[in-house]
Protein backbone atom coordinates (compact mmCIF):
# COMPACT_ATOMS: atom_id res chain seq x y z
CA MET A 1 0.00 0.00 0.00
CA PHE A 2 1.47 3.26 -1.12
CA GLY A 3 0.29 6.83 -0.65
CA CYS A 4 -3.01 8.14 0.62
CA PRO A 5 -6.29 6.60 -0.47
CA THR A 6 -8.46 8.64 -2.83
CA VAL A 7 -11.47 8.68 -0.51
CA ARG A 8 -10.66 9.14 3.17
CA HIS A 9 -13.20 7.03 5.05
CA ASP A 10 -10.92 7.00 8.08
CA LEU A 11 -11.41 10.74 8.68
CA THR A 12 -14.53 12.47 9.94
CA PRO A 13 -15.60 15.26 7.58
CA PRO A 14 -15.79 18.73 9.13
CA ALA A 15 -19.19 20.35 9.65
CA PHE A 16 -18.26 23.12 7.22
CA LYS A 17 -15.89 22.21 4.42
CA SER A 18 -13.44 24.88 3.31
CA VAL A 19 -12.57 25.51 -0.32
CA ALA A 20 -8.93 25.12 0.72
CA ASN A 21 -9.60 21.61 2.08
CA ASN A 22 -8.94 19.23 -0.83
CA ILE A 23 -9.48 16.00 1.12
CA ASN A 24 -12.15 13.77 -0.43
CA TYR A 25 -14.39 12.43 2.36
CA GLY A 26 -16.58 10.53 -0.12
CA ASP A 27 -19.23 13.24 -0.27
CA ASP A 28 -17.90 15.06 -3.32
CA VAL A 29 -20.21 15.37 -6.29
CA ASN A 30 -19.37 14.01 -9.73
CA VAL A 31 -19.00 15.95 -12.98
CA GLU A 32 -22.56 15.19 -14.14
CA TYR A 33 -23.96 16.82 -11.00
CA VAL A 34 -21.91 19.95 -11.69
CA MET A 35 -22.63 20.11 -15.43
CA LYS A 36 -26.34 19.22 -15.24
CA PRO A 37 -27.70 20.13 -11.80
CA SER A 38 -31.17 18.91 -10.93
CA SER A 39 -34.09 21.30 -11.28
CA GLN A 40 -34.54 21.24 -7.51
CA LEU A 41 -30.96 22.37 -6.98
CA THR A 42 -31.49 25.38 -9.22
CA LEU A 43 -34.39 26.32 -6.91
CA GLY A 44 -32.14 26.10 -3.85
CA LEU A 45 -33.26 22.68 -2.64
CA GLN A 46 -30.79 20.00 -1.60
CA ASP A 47 -31.31 16.23 -1.83
CA GLY A 48 -31.60 16.07 1.96
CA ASP A 49 -34.65 18.33 1.85
CA PHE A 50 -36.64 15.45 0.34
CA THR A 51 -35.60 12.88 2.94
CA LYS A 52 -36.00 15.02 6.08
CA PRO A 53 -39.00 14.02 8.26
CA ARG A 54 -41.91 16.47 7.97
CA SER A 55 -45.23 16.90 9.77
CA LYS A 56 -48.50 15.69 8.29
CA GLU A 57 -49.83 19.25 8.07
CA PHE A 58 -46.77 20.40 6.10
CA LEU A 59 -46.95 17.45 3.67
CA VAL A 60 -50.70 17.74 3.05
CA SER A 61 -50.38 21.48 2.49
CA LEU A 62 -47.42 21.00 0.14
CA PHE A 63 -49.15 18.31 -1.92
CA ARG A 64 -52.48 20.14 -2.13
CA THR A 65 -50.72 23.36 -3.16
CA SER A 66 -48.83 21.36 -5.81
CA GLY A 67 -52.09 20.08 -7.30
CA PHE A 68 -52.30 16.60 -5.77
CA GLU A 69 -55.88 15.77 -4.91
CA ALA A 70 -57.14 13.42 -2.22
CA SER A 71 -59.65 13.45 0.62
CA ASP A 72 -58.62 14.05 4.23
CA GLU A 73 -59.13 10.34 4.94
CA ASP A 74 -56.91 9.37 2.00
CA PHE A 75 -54.19 11.76 3.20
CA ASP A 76 -54.42 10.12 6.66
CA VAL A 77 -53.85 6.70 5.09
CA ILE A 78 -51.03 8.05 2.90
CA PHE A 79 -49.27 9.72 5.85
CA ASN A 80 -49.56 6.62 8.07
CA GLU A 81 -48.18 4.46 5.26
CA ALA A 82 -45.30 6.89 4.63
CA ARG A 83 -44.27 7.20 8.27
CA ARG A 84 -44.40 3.49 9.01
CA GLY A 85 -41.42 2.69 11.23
CA GLN A 86 -40.79 6.35 12.10
CA ASN A 87 -42.10 8.27 15.08
CA VAL A 88 -41.24 11.79 13.97
CA GLY A 89 -42.96 12.22 10.62
CA ALA A 90 -42.57 11.29 6.97
CA SER A 91 -40.25 12.50 4.26
CA ILE A 92 -41.49 14.11 1.07
CA GLU A 93 -39.99 11.22 -0.88
CA LYS A 94 -41.82 8.53 1.13
CA PHE A 95 -45.05 10.55 1.19
CA LYS A 96 -45.00 10.84 -2.61
CA SER A 97 -44.33 7.13 -3.02
CA SER A 98 -47.16 6.30 -0.59
CA TYR A 99 -49.45 8.77 -2.38
CA ASN A 100 -48.81 6.98 -5.68
CA ASP A 101 -49.40 3.54 -4.14
CA VAL A 102 -52.61 4.50 -2.31
CA MET A 103 -54.10 6.50 -5.17
CA PHE A 104 -53.23 3.73 -7.63
CA SER A 105 -55.06 1.17 -5.52
CA ILE A 106 -58.08 3.51 -5.30
CA LYS A 107 -58.09 4.08 -9.08
CA ARG A 108 -57.62 0.36 -9.73
CA SER A 109 -60.56 -0.57 -7.50
CA ALA A 110 -62.70 2.12 -9.16
CA VAL A 111 -61.86 0.73 -12.62
CA SER A 112 -62.55 -2.85 -11.57
CA HIS A 113 -66.00 -1.82 -10.27
CA LYS A 114 -66.93 -0.13 -13.55
CA ASN A 115 -69.28 -1.69 -16.05
CA PRO A 116 -67.34 -4.66 -17.56
CA THR A 117 -68.73 -3.86 -21.03
CA ASP A 118 -67.19 -0.37 -20.95
CA GLU A 119 -63.75 -1.08 -22.38
CA SER A 120 -63.30 2.37 -23.96
CA ARG A 121 -61.03 3.72 -21.19
CA HIS A 122 -58.05 2.00 -19.67
CA VAL A 123 -56.10 3.40 -16.72
CA SER A 124 -52.44 2.42 -16.46
CA PHE A 125 -49.77 3.33 -13.95
CA SER A 126 -46.05 3.58 -14.37
CA LYS A 127 -43.97 3.68 -11.17
CA SER A 128 -41.06 5.25 -12.99
CA GLU A 129 -43.22 8.14 -14.15
CA SER A 130 -45.19 8.26 -10.88
CA SER A 131 -48.30 9.32 -12.69
CA PHE A 132 -51.54 8.00 -14.07
CA ARG A 133 -52.22 7.87 -17.77
CA GLN A 134 -55.65 7.45 -19.29
CA GLU A 135 -55.76 5.93 -22.71
CA SER A 136 -58.75 5.93 -25.02
């Protein structure tokens, strides 16, 4: 073994990293992140903002303001599903995933209870797109 390793896992990173500190603690971003920052980053949001636990009131307000629609009872189910295993709250990321799962199951049950002869509309769901598509 010669020299210093590229990523220093043996050192604790400082709370505030200086520009003069060139030690790689394993938290450096790659070139793609610098060249093509995410749309959230351009708005001043960090990745940690989506994983931080939030209150139910904050999440419901955020999602309703963003155009997501659900009843108060559905939001209760979504929040409880998202915070499963956590006592503090739920992250935006988990809440969105739970929203998609719960709303998909509601839409699926609504479609299955429709008239079986009405085949003109088909609802499909893509997890990667996290949205519903209606096809004629």
